[in-house]
Amino acid sequence: SLSAMIGVFVVGALKNSKIKQAETEV
């Protein structure tokens, strides 16, 4: 359960960082 909760936060943070990177590069 702890691993699943941490995984959700990590995946969400990774998605947000890619979006921010794309915005900056565009």
mmCIF file of all heavy atoms, coordinates in Angstrom:
data_MODEL
# 
_entry.id   MODEL 
# 
loop_
_atom_site.group_PDB 
_atom_site.id 
_atom_site.type_symbol 
_atom_site.label_atom_id 
_atom_site.label_alt_id 
_atom_site.label_comp_id 
_atom_site.label_asym_id 
_atom_site.label_entity_id 
_atom_site.label_seq_id 
_atom_site.pdbx_PDB_ins_code 
_atom_site.Cartn_x 
_atom_site.Cartn_y 
_atom_site.Cartn_z 
_atom_site.occupancy 
_atom_site.B_iso_or_equiv 
_atom_site.pdbx_formal_charge 
_atom_site.auth_seq_id 
_atom_site.auth_comp_id 
_atom_site.auth_asym_id 
_atom_site.auth_atom_id 
_atom_site.pdbx_PDB_model_num 
ATOM 1   N N   . SER A 1 1  ? 0.832  -1.210 0.000   1.00 0.00 ? 1  SER A N   1 
ATOM 2   C CA  . SER A 1 1  ? 0.000  0.000  0.000   1.00 0.00 ? 1  SER A CA  1 
ATOM 3   C C   . SER A 1 1  ? 0.861  1.253  0.000   1.00 0.00 ? 1  SER A C   1 
ATOM 4   O O   . SER A 1 1  ? 0.592  2.205  -0.744  1.00 0.00 ? 1  SER A O   1 
ATOM 5   C CB  . SER A 1 1  ? -0.925 0.008  1.220   1.00 0.00 ? 1  SER A CB  1 
ATOM 6   O OG  . SER A 1 1  ? -1.807 -1.077 1.181   1.00 0.00 ? 1  SER A OG  1 
ATOM 7   N N   . LEU A 1 2  ? 1.891  1.255  0.812   1.00 0.00 ? 2  LEU A N   1 
ATOM 8   C CA  . LEU A 1 2  ? 2.803  2.413  0.849   1.00 0.00 ? 2  LEU A CA  1 
ATOM 9   C C   . LEU A 1 2  ? 3.498  2.594  -0.491  1.00 0.00 ? 2  LEU A C   1 
ATOM 10  O O   . LEU A 1 2  ? 3.630  3.718  -0.982  1.00 0.00 ? 2  LEU A O   1 
ATOM 11  C CB  . LEU A 1 2  ? 3.831  2.244  1.972   1.00 0.00 ? 2  LEU A CB  1 
ATOM 12  C CG  . LEU A 1 2  ? 3.297  2.385  3.391   1.00 0.00 ? 2  LEU A CG  1 
ATOM 13  C CD1 . LEU A 1 2  ? 4.385  2.018  4.403   1.00 0.00 ? 2  LEU A CD1 1 
ATOM 14  C CD2 . LEU A 1 2  ? 2.798  3.794  3.636   1.00 0.00 ? 2  LEU A CD2 1 
ATOM 15  N N   . SER A 1 3  ? 3.940  1.499  -1.097  1.00 0.00 ? 3  SER A N   1 
ATOM 16  C CA  . SER A 1 3  ? 4.605  1.579  -2.399  1.00 0.00 ? 3  SER A CA  1 
ATOM 17  C C   . SER A 1 3  ? 3.665  2.133  -3.461  1.00 0.00 ? 3  SER A C   1 
ATOM 18  O O   . SER A 1 3  ? 4.074  2.935  -4.297  1.00 0.00 ? 3  SER A O   1 
ATOM 19  C CB  . SER A 1 3  ? 5.099  0.201  -2.834  1.00 0.00 ? 3  SER A CB  1 
ATOM 20  O OG  . SER A 1 3  ? 6.073  -0.270 -1.942  1.00 0.00 ? 3  SER A OG  1 
ATOM 21  N N   . ALA A 1 4  ? 2.417  1.716  -3.452  1.00 0.00 ? 4  ALA A N   1 
ATOM 22  C CA  . ALA A 1 4  ? 1.444  2.200  -4.428  1.00 0.00 ? 4  ALA A CA  1 
ATOM 23  C C   . ALA A 1 4  ? 1.203  3.700  -4.265  1.00 0.00 ? 4  ALA A C   1 
ATOM 24  O O   . ALA A 1 4  ? 1.139  4.431  -5.258  1.00 0.00 ? 4  ALA A O   1 
ATOM 25  C CB  . ALA A 1 4  ? 0.142  1.433  -4.298  1.00 0.00 ? 4  ALA A CB  1 
ATOM 26  N N   . MET A 1 5  ? 1.080  4.159  -3.030  1.00 0.00 ? 5  MET A N   1 
ATOM 27  C CA  . MET A 1 5  ? 0.847  5.591  -2.798  1.00 0.00 ? 5  MET A CA  1 
ATOM 28  C C   . MET A 1 5  ? 2.048  6.406  -3.265  1.00 0.00 ? 5  MET A C   1 
ATOM 29  O O   . MET A 1 5  ? 1.885  7.441  -3.917  1.00 0.00 ? 5  MET A O   1 
ATOM 30  C CB  . MET A 1 5  ? 0.568  5.856  -1.323  1.00 0.00 ? 5  MET A CB  1 
ATOM 31  C CG  . MET A 1 5  ? -0.788 5.366  -0.875  1.00 0.00 ? 5  MET A CG  1 
ATOM 32  S SD  . MET A 1 5  ? -1.305 5.838  0.792   1.00 0.00 ? 5  MET A SD  1 
ATOM 33  C CE  . MET A 1 5  ? 0.145  5.815  1.752   1.00 0.00 ? 5  MET A CE  1 
ATOM 34  N N   . ILE A 1 6  ? 3.235  5.958  -2.967  1.00 0.00 ? 6  ILE A N   1 
ATOM 35  C CA  . ILE A 1 6  ? 4.439  6.674  -3.386  1.00 0.00 ? 6  ILE A CA  1 
ATOM 36  C C   . ILE A 1 6  ? 4.536  6.668  -4.906  1.00 0.00 ? 6  ILE A C   1 
ATOM 37  O O   . ILE A 1 6  ? 4.866  7.676  -5.523  1.00 0.00 ? 6  ILE A O   1 
ATOM 38  C CB  . ILE A 1 6  ? 5.685  6.052  -2.730  1.00 0.00 ? 6  ILE A CB  1 
ATOM 39  C CG1 . ILE A 1 6  ? 5.671  6.350  -1.229  1.00 0.00 ? 6  ILE A CG1 1 
ATOM 40  C CG2 . ILE A 1 6  ? 6.963  6.570  -3.375  1.00 0.00 ? 6  ILE A CG2 1 
ATOM 41  C CD1 . ILE A 1 6  ? 6.723  5.608  -0.425  1.00 0.00 ? 6  ILE A CD1 1 
ATOM 42  N N   . GLY A 1 7  ? 4.217  5.532  -5.538  1.00 0.00 ? 7  GLY A N   1 
ATOM 43  C CA  . GLY A 1 7  ? 4.256  5.431  -6.996  1.00 0.00 ? 7  GLY A CA  1 
ATOM 44  C C   . GLY A 1 7  ? 3.344  6.417  -7.681  1.00 0.00 ? 7  GLY A C   1 
ATOM 45  O O   . GLY A 1 7  ? 3.704  7.019  -8.686  1.00 0.00 ? 7  GLY A O   1 
ATOM 46  N N   . VAL A 1 8  ? 2.147  6.612  -7.142  1.00 0.00 ? 8  VAL A N   1 
ATOM 47  C CA  . VAL A 1 8  ? 1.191  7.564  -7.723  1.00 0.00 ? 8  VAL A CA  1 
ATOM 48  C C   . VAL A 1 8  ? 1.770  8.973  -7.691  1.00 0.00 ? 8  VAL A C   1 
ATOM 49  O O   . VAL A 1 8  ? 1.695  9.711  -8.680  1.00 0.00 ? 8  VAL A O   1 
ATOM 50  C CB  . VAL A 1 8  ? -0.160 7.503  -6.974  1.00 0.00 ? 8  VAL A CB  1 
ATOM 51  C CG1 . VAL A 1 8  ? -1.045 8.676  -7.334  1.00 0.00 ? 8  VAL A CG1 1 
ATOM 52  C CG2 . VAL A 1 8  ? -0.864 6.191  -7.258  1.00 0.00 ? 8  VAL A CG2 1 
ATOM 53  N N   . PHE A 1 9  ? 2.390  9.357  -6.593  1.00 0.00 ? 9  PHE A N   1 
ATOM 54  C CA  . PHE A 1 9  ? 2.974  10.694 -6.490  1.00 0.00 ? 9  PHE A CA  1 
ATOM 55  C C   . PHE A 1 9  ? 4.157  10.860 -7.437  1.00 0.00 ? 9  PHE A C   1 
ATOM 56  O O   . PHE A 1 9  ? 4.308  11.898 -8.079  1.00 0.00 ? 9  PHE A O   1 
ATOM 57  C CB  . PHE A 1 9  ? 3.406  10.996 -5.055  1.00 0.00 ? 9  PHE A CB  1 
ATOM 58  C CG  . PHE A 1 9  ? 2.242  11.180 -4.121  1.00 0.00 ? 9  PHE A CG  1 
ATOM 59  C CD1 . PHE A 1 9  ? 2.072  10.344 -3.034  1.00 0.00 ? 9  PHE A CD1 1 
ATOM 60  C CD2 . PHE A 1 9  ? 1.302  12.175 -4.332  1.00 0.00 ? 9  PHE A CD2 1 
ATOM 61  C CE1 . PHE A 1 9  ? 1.002  10.500 -2.176  1.00 0.00 ? 9  PHE A CE1 1 
ATOM 62  C CE2 . PHE A 1 9  ? 0.232  12.350 -3.481  1.00 0.00 ? 9  PHE A CE2 1 
ATOM 63  C CZ  . PHE A 1 9  ? 0.076  11.505 -2.393  1.00 0.00 ? 9  PHE A CZ  1 
ATOM 64  N N   . VAL A 1 10 ? 4.993  9.843  -7.574  1.00 0.00 ? 10 VAL A N   1 
ATOM 65  C CA  . VAL A 1 10 ? 6.157  9.920  -8.450  1.00 0.00 ? 10 VAL A CA  1 
ATOM 66  C C   . VAL A 1 10 ? 5.726  10.032 -9.912  1.00 0.00 ? 10 VAL A C   1 
ATOM 67  O O   . VAL A 1 10 ? 6.247  10.852 -10.658 1.00 0.00 ? 10 VAL A O   1 
ATOM 68  C CB  . VAL A 1 10 ? 7.090  8.700  -8.233  1.00 0.00 ? 10 VAL A CB  1 
ATOM 69  C CG1 . VAL A 1 10 ? 8.146  8.615  -9.313  1.00 0.00 ? 10 VAL A CG1 1 
ATOM 70  C CG2 . VAL A 1 10 ? 7.730  8.761  -6.863  1.00 0.00 ? 10 VAL A CG2 1 
ATOM 71  N N   . VAL A 1 11 ? 4.754  9.218  -10.333 1.00 0.00 ? 11 VAL A N   1 
ATOM 72  C CA  . VAL A 1 11 ? 4.280  9.266  -11.714 1.00 0.00 ? 11 VAL A CA  1 
ATOM 73  C C   . VAL A 1 11 ? 3.647  10.625 -12.010 1.00 0.00 ? 11 VAL A C   1 
ATOM 74  O O   . VAL A 1 11 ? 3.881  11.217 -13.066 1.00 0.00 ? 11 VAL A O   1 
ATOM 75  C CB  . VAL A 1 11 ? 3.280  8.114  -11.996 1.00 0.00 ? 11 VAL A CB  1 
ATOM 76  C CG1 . VAL A 1 11 ? 2.567  8.309  -13.314 1.00 0.00 ? 11 VAL A CG1 1 
ATOM 77  C CG2 . VAL A 1 11 ? 4.003  6.781  -11.967 1.00 0.00 ? 11 VAL A CG2 1 
ATOM 78  N N   . GLY A 1 12 ? 2.867  11.151 -11.078 1.00 0.00 ? 12 GLY A N   1 
ATOM 79  C CA  . GLY A 1 12 ? 2.257  12.475 -11.266 1.00 0.00 ? 12 GLY A CA  1 
ATOM 80  C C   . GLY A 1 12 ? 3.304  13.567 -11.376 1.00 0.00 ? 12 GLY A C   1 
ATOM 81  O O   . GLY A 1 12 ? 3.200  14.455 -12.220 1.00 0.00 ? 12 GLY A O   1 
ATOM 82  N N   . ALA A 1 13 ? 4.329  13.498 -10.544 1.00 0.00 ? 13 ALA A N   1 
ATOM 83  C CA  . ALA A 1 13 ? 5.392  14.505 -10.585 1.00 0.00 ? 13 ALA A CA  1 
ATOM 84  C C   . ALA A 1 13 ? 6.169  14.412 -11.895 1.00 0.00 ? 13 ALA A C   1 
ATOM 85  O O   . ALA A 1 13 ? 6.536  15.433 -12.483 1.00 0.00 ? 13 ALA A O   1 
ATOM 86  C CB  . ALA A 1 13 ? 6.330  14.330 -9.396  1.00 0.00 ? 13 ALA A CB  1 
ATOM 87  N N   . LEU A 1 14 ? 6.402  13.206 -12.383 1.00 0.00 ? 14 LEU A N   1 
ATOM 88  C CA  . LEU A 1 14 ? 7.118  13.023 -13.642 1.00 0.00 ? 14 LEU A CA  1 
ATOM 89  C C   . LEU A 1 14 ? 6.306  13.599 -14.803 1.00 0.00 ? 14 LEU A C   1 
ATOM 90  O O   . LEU A 1 14 ? 6.850  14.287 -15.669 1.00 0.00 ? 14 LEU A O   1 
ATOM 91  C CB  . LEU A 1 14 ? 7.400  11.538 -13.874 1.00 0.00 ? 14 LEU A CB  1 
ATOM 92  C CG  . LEU A 1 14 ? 8.155  11.189 -15.145 1.00 0.00 ? 14 LEU A CG  1 
ATOM 93  C CD1 . LEU A 1 14 ? 9.530  11.847 -15.157 1.00 0.00 ? 14 LEU A CD1 1 
ATOM 94  C CD2 . LEU A 1 14 ? 8.292  9.685  -15.278 1.00 0.00 ? 14 LEU A CD2 1 
ATOM 95  N N   . LYS A 1 15 ? 5.010  13.348 -14.828 1.00 0.00 ? 15 LYS A N   1 
ATOM 96  C CA  . LYS A 1 15 ? 4.149  13.877 -15.896 1.00 0.00 ? 15 LYS A CA  1 
ATOM 97  C C   . LYS A 1 15 ? 4.170  15.406 -15.874 1.00 0.00 ? 15 LYS A C   1 
ATOM 98  O O   . LYS A 1 15 ? 4.316  16.040 -16.915 1.00 0.00 ? 15 LYS A O   1 
ATOM 99  C CB  . LYS A 1 15 ? 2.724  13.363 -15.731 1.00 0.00 ? 15 LYS A CB  1 
ATOM 100 C CG  . LYS A 1 15 ? 1.783  13.850 -16.800 1.00 0.00 ? 15 LYS A CG  1 
ATOM 101 C CD  . LYS A 1 15 ? 0.377  13.330 -16.614 1.00 0.00 ? 15 LYS A CD  1 
ATOM 102 C CE  . LYS A 1 15 ? -0.560 13.894 -17.661 1.00 0.00 ? 15 LYS A CE  1 
ATOM 103 N NZ  . LYS A 1 15 ? -1.935 13.484 -17.460 1.00 0.00 ? 15 LYS A NZ  1 
ATOM 104 N N   . ASN A 1 16 ? 4.027  15.993 -14.686 1.00 0.00 ? 16 ASN A N   1 
ATOM 105 C CA  . ASN A 1 16 ? 4.038  17.457 -14.574 1.00 0.00 ? 16 ASN A CA  1 
ATOM 106 C C   . ASN A 1 16 ? 5.377  18.038 -14.999 1.00 0.00 ? 16 ASN A C   1 
ATOM 107 O O   . ASN A 1 16 ? 5.419  19.105 -15.619 1.00 0.00 ? 16 ASN A O   1 
ATOM 108 C CB  . ASN A 1 16 ? 3.695  17.882 -13.151 1.00 0.00 ? 16 ASN A CB  1 
ATOM 109 C CG  . ASN A 1 16 ? 2.236  17.669 -12.821 1.00 0.00 ? 16 ASN A CG  1 
ATOM 110 O OD1 . ASN A 1 16 ? 1.397  17.555 -13.710 1.00 0.00 ? 16 ASN A OD1 1 
ATOM 111 N ND2 . ASN A 1 16 ? 1.922  17.589 -11.536 1.00 0.00 ? 16 ASN A ND2 1 
ATOM 112 N N   . SER A 1 17 ? 6.472  17.375 -14.681 1.00 0.00 ? 17 SER A N   1 
ATOM 113 C CA  . SER A 1 17 ? 7.786  17.902 -15.057 1.00 0.00 ? 17 SER A CA  1 
ATOM 114 C C   . SER A 1 17 ? 7.969  17.868 -16.572 1.00 0.00 ? 17 SER A C   1 
ATOM 115 O O   . SER A 1 17 ? 8.563  18.777 -17.149 1.00 0.00 ? 17 SER A O   1 
ATOM 116 C CB  . SER A 1 17 ? 8.906  17.140 -14.356 1.00 0.00 ? 17 SER A CB  1 
ATOM 117 O OG  . SER A 1 17 ? 9.050  15.841 -14.874 1.00 0.00 ? 17 SER A OG  1 
ATOM 118 N N   . LYS A 1 18 ? 7.452  16.837 -17.245 1.00 0.00 ? 18 LYS A N   1 
ATOM 119 C CA  . LYS A 1 18 ? 7.549  16.777 -18.704 1.00 0.00 ? 18 LYS A CA  1 
ATOM 120 C C   . LYS A 1 18 ? 6.723  17.880 -19.352 1.00 0.00 ? 18 LYS A C   1 
ATOM 121 O O   . LYS A 1 18 ? 7.139  18.480 -20.343 1.00 0.00 ? 18 LYS A O   1 
ATOM 122 C CB  . LYS A 1 18 ? 7.094  15.407 -19.221 1.00 0.00 ? 18 LYS A CB  1 
ATOM 123 C CG  . LYS A 1 18 ? 8.124  14.323 -19.010 1.00 0.00 ? 18 LYS A CG  1 
ATOM 124 C CD  . LYS A 1 18 ? 7.669  13.027 -19.640 1.00 0.00 ? 18 LYS A CD  1 
ATOM 125 C CE  . LYS A 1 18 ? 8.750  11.967 -19.554 1.00 0.00 ? 18 LYS A CE  1 
ATOM 126 N NZ  . LYS A 1 18 ? 8.371  10.749 -20.273 1.00 0.00 ? 18 LYS A NZ  1 
ATOM 127 N N   . ILE A 1 19 ? 5.556  18.160 -18.795 1.00 0.00 ? 19 ILE A N   1 
ATOM 128 C CA  . ILE A 1 19 ? 4.716  19.243 -19.332 1.00 0.00 ? 19 ILE A CA  1 
ATOM 129 C C   . ILE A 1 19 ? 5.428  20.583 -19.176 1.00 0.00 ? 19 ILE A C   1 
ATOM 130 O O   . ILE A 1 19 ? 5.478  21.388 -20.113 1.00 0.00 ? 19 ILE A O   1 
ATOM 131 C CB  . ILE A 1 19 ? 3.332  19.249 -18.653 1.00 0.00 ? 19 ILE A CB  1 
ATOM 132 C CG1 . ILE A 1 19 ? 2.529  18.016 -19.088 1.00 0.00 ? 19 ILE A CG1 1 
ATOM 133 C CG2 . ILE A 1 19 ? 2.567  20.534 -18.967 1.00 0.00 ? 19 ILE A CG2 1 
ATOM 134 C CD1 . ILE A 1 19 ? 1.248  17.790 -18.307 1.00 0.00 ? 19 ILE A CD1 1 
ATOM 135 N N   . LYS A 1 20 ? 5.998  20.829 -18.004 1.00 0.00 ? 20 LYS A N   1 
ATOM 136 C CA  . LYS A 1 20 ? 6.726  22.095 -17.776 1.00 0.00 ? 20 LYS A CA  1 
ATOM 137 C C   . LYS A 1 20 ? 7.925  22.210 -18.709 1.00 0.00 ? 20 LYS A C   1 
ATOM 138 O O   . LYS A 1 20 ? 8.210  23.281 -19.243 1.00 0.00 ? 20 LYS A O   1 
ATOM 139 C CB  . LYS A 1 20 ? 7.186  22.197 -16.319 1.00 0.00 ? 20 LYS A CB  1 
ATOM 140 C CG  . LYS A 1 20 ? 6.067  22.377 -15.336 1.00 0.00 ? 20 LYS A CG  1 
ATOM 141 C CD  . LYS A 1 20 ? 5.456  23.740 -15.479 1.00 0.00 ? 20 LYS A CD  1 
ATOM 142 C CE  . LYS A 1 20 ? 4.373  23.919 -14.435 1.00 0.00 ? 20 LYS A CE  1 
ATOM 143 N NZ  . LYS A 1 20 ? 3.519  25.041 -14.744 1.00 0.00 ? 20 LYS A NZ  1 
ATOM 144 N N   . GLN A 1 21 ? 8.636  21.097 -18.908 1.00 0.00 ? 21 GLN A N   1 
ATOM 145 C CA  . GLN A 1 21 ? 9.786  21.099 -19.813 1.00 0.00 ? 21 GLN A CA  1 
ATOM 146 C C   . GLN A 1 21 ? 9.339  21.426 -21.233 1.00 0.00 ? 21 GLN A C   1 
ATOM 147 O O   . GLN A 1 21 ? 9.974  22.228 -21.918 1.00 0.00 ? 21 GLN A O   1 
ATOM 148 C CB  . GLN A 1 21 ? 10.499 19.743 -19.779 1.00 0.00 ? 21 GLN A CB  1 
ATOM 149 C CG  . GLN A 1 21 ? 11.685 19.673 -20.715 1.00 0.00 ? 21 GLN A CG  1 
ATOM 150 C CD  . GLN A 1 21 ? 12.327 18.298 -20.753 1.00 0.00 ? 21 GLN A CD  1 
ATOM 151 O OE1 . GLN A 1 21 ? 11.941 17.394 -20.023 1.00 0.00 ? 21 GLN A OE1 1 
ATOM 152 N NE2 . GLN A 1 21 ? 13.305 18.137 -21.609 1.00 0.00 ? 21 GLN A NE2 1 
ATOM 153 N N   . ALA A 1 22 ? 8.248  20.835 -21.691 1.00 0.00 ? 22 ALA A N   1 
ATOM 154 C CA  . ALA A 1 22 ? 7.742  21.103 -23.042 1.00 0.00 ? 22 ALA A CA  1 
ATOM 155 C C   . ALA A 1 22 ? 7.321  22.567 -23.181 1.00 0.00 ? 22 ALA A C   1 
ATOM 156 O O   . ALA A 1 22 ? 7.609  23.202 -24.208 1.00 0.00 ? 22 ALA A O   1 
ATOM 157 C CB  . ALA A 1 22 ? 6.573  20.180 -23.369 1.00 0.00 ? 22 ALA A CB  1 
ATOM 158 N N   . GLU A 1 23 ? 6.653  23.107 -22.170 1.00 0.00 ? 23 GLU A N   1 
ATOM 159 C CA  . GLU A 1 23 ? 6.253  24.522 -22.218 1.00 0.00 ? 23 GLU A CA  1 
ATOM 160 C C   . GLU A 1 23 ? 7.473  25.425 -22.352 1.00 0.00 ? 23 GLU A C   1 
ATOM 161 O O   . GLU A 1 23 ? 7.484  26.362 -23.157 1.00 0.00 ? 23 GLU A O   1 
ATOM 162 C CB  . GLU A 1 23 ? 5.463  24.891 -20.960 1.00 0.00 ? 23 GLU A CB  1 
ATOM 163 C CG  . GLU A 1 23 ? 4.077  24.291 -20.907 1.00 0.00 ? 23 GLU A CG  1 
ATOM 164 C CD  . GLU A 1 23 ? 3.394  24.499 -19.560 1.00 0.00 ? 23 GLU A CD  1 
ATOM 165 O OE1 . GLU A 1 23 ? 4.061  24.906 -18.578 1.00 0.00 ? 23 GLU A OE1 1 
ATOM 166 O OE2 . GLU A 1 23 ? 2.172  24.229 -19.478 1.00 0.00 ? 23 GLU A OE2 1 
ATOM 167 N N   . THR A 1 24 ? 8.507  25.133 -21.582 1.00 0.00 ? 24 THR A N   1 
ATOM 168 C CA  . THR A 1 24 ? 9.728  25.930 -21.629 1.00 0.00 ? 24 THR A CA  1 
ATOM 169 C C   . THR A 1 24 ? 10.398 25.826 -22.987 1.00 0.00 ? 24 THR A C   1 
ATOM 170 O O   . THR A 1 24 ? 10.822 26.836 -23.569 1.00 0.00 ? 24 THR A O   1 
ATOM 171 C CB  . THR A 1 24 ? 10.702 25.466 -20.522 1.00 0.00 ? 24 THR A CB  1 
ATOM 172 O OG1 . THR A 1 24 ? 10.062 25.610 -19.256 1.00 0.00 ? 24 THR A OG1 1 
ATOM 173 C CG2 . THR A 1 24 ? 11.980 26.266 -20.535 1.00 0.00 ? 24 THR A CG2 1 
ATOM 174 N N   . GLU A 1 25 ? 10.502 24.617 -23.524 1.00 0.00 ? 25 GLU A N   1 
ATOM 175 C CA  . GLU A 1 25 ? 11.168 24.430 -24.813 1.00 0.00 ? 25 GLU A CA  1 
ATOM 176 C C   . GLU A 1 25 ? 10.373 25.048 -25.960 1.00 0.00 ? 25 GLU A C   1 
ATOM 177 O O   . GLU A 1 25 ? 10.962 25.636 -26.872 1.00 0.00 ? 25 GLU A O   1 
ATOM 178 C CB  . GLU A 1 25 ? 11.416 22.944 -25.071 1.00 0.00 ? 25 GLU A CB  1 
ATOM 179 C CG  . GLU A 1 25 ? 12.505 22.377 -24.182 1.00 0.00 ? 25 GLU A CG  1 
ATOM 180 C CD  . GLU A 1 25 ? 12.737 20.888 -24.378 1.00 0.00 ? 25 GLU A CD  1 
ATOM 181 O OE1 . GLU A 1 25 ? 12.002 20.247 -25.166 1.00 0.00 ? 25 GLU A OE1 1 
ATOM 182 O OE2 . GLU A 1 25 ? 13.655 20.361 -23.730 1.00 0.00 ? 25 GLU A OE2 1 
ATOM 183 N N   . VAL A 1 26 ? 9.055  24.940 -25.930 1.00 0.00 ? 26 VAL A N   1 
ATOM 184 C CA  . VAL A 1 26 ? 8.239  25.559 -26.978 1.00 0.00 ? 26 VAL A CA  1 
ATOM 185 C C   . VAL A 1 26 ? 8.445  27.074 -26.963 1.00 0.00 ? 26 VAL A C   1 
ATOM 186 O O   . VAL A 1 26 ? 8.634  27.697 -28.016 1.00 0.00 ? 26 VAL A O   1 
ATOM 187 C CB  . VAL A 1 26 ? 6.739  25.189 -26.821 1.00 0.00 ? 26 VAL A CB  1 
ATOM 188 C CG1 . VAL A 1 26 ? 5.849  26.112 -27.627 1.00 0.00 ? 26 VAL A CG1 1 
ATOM 189 C CG2 . VAL A 1 26 ? 6.508  23.740 -27.238 1.00 0.00 ? 26 VAL A CG2 1 
# 
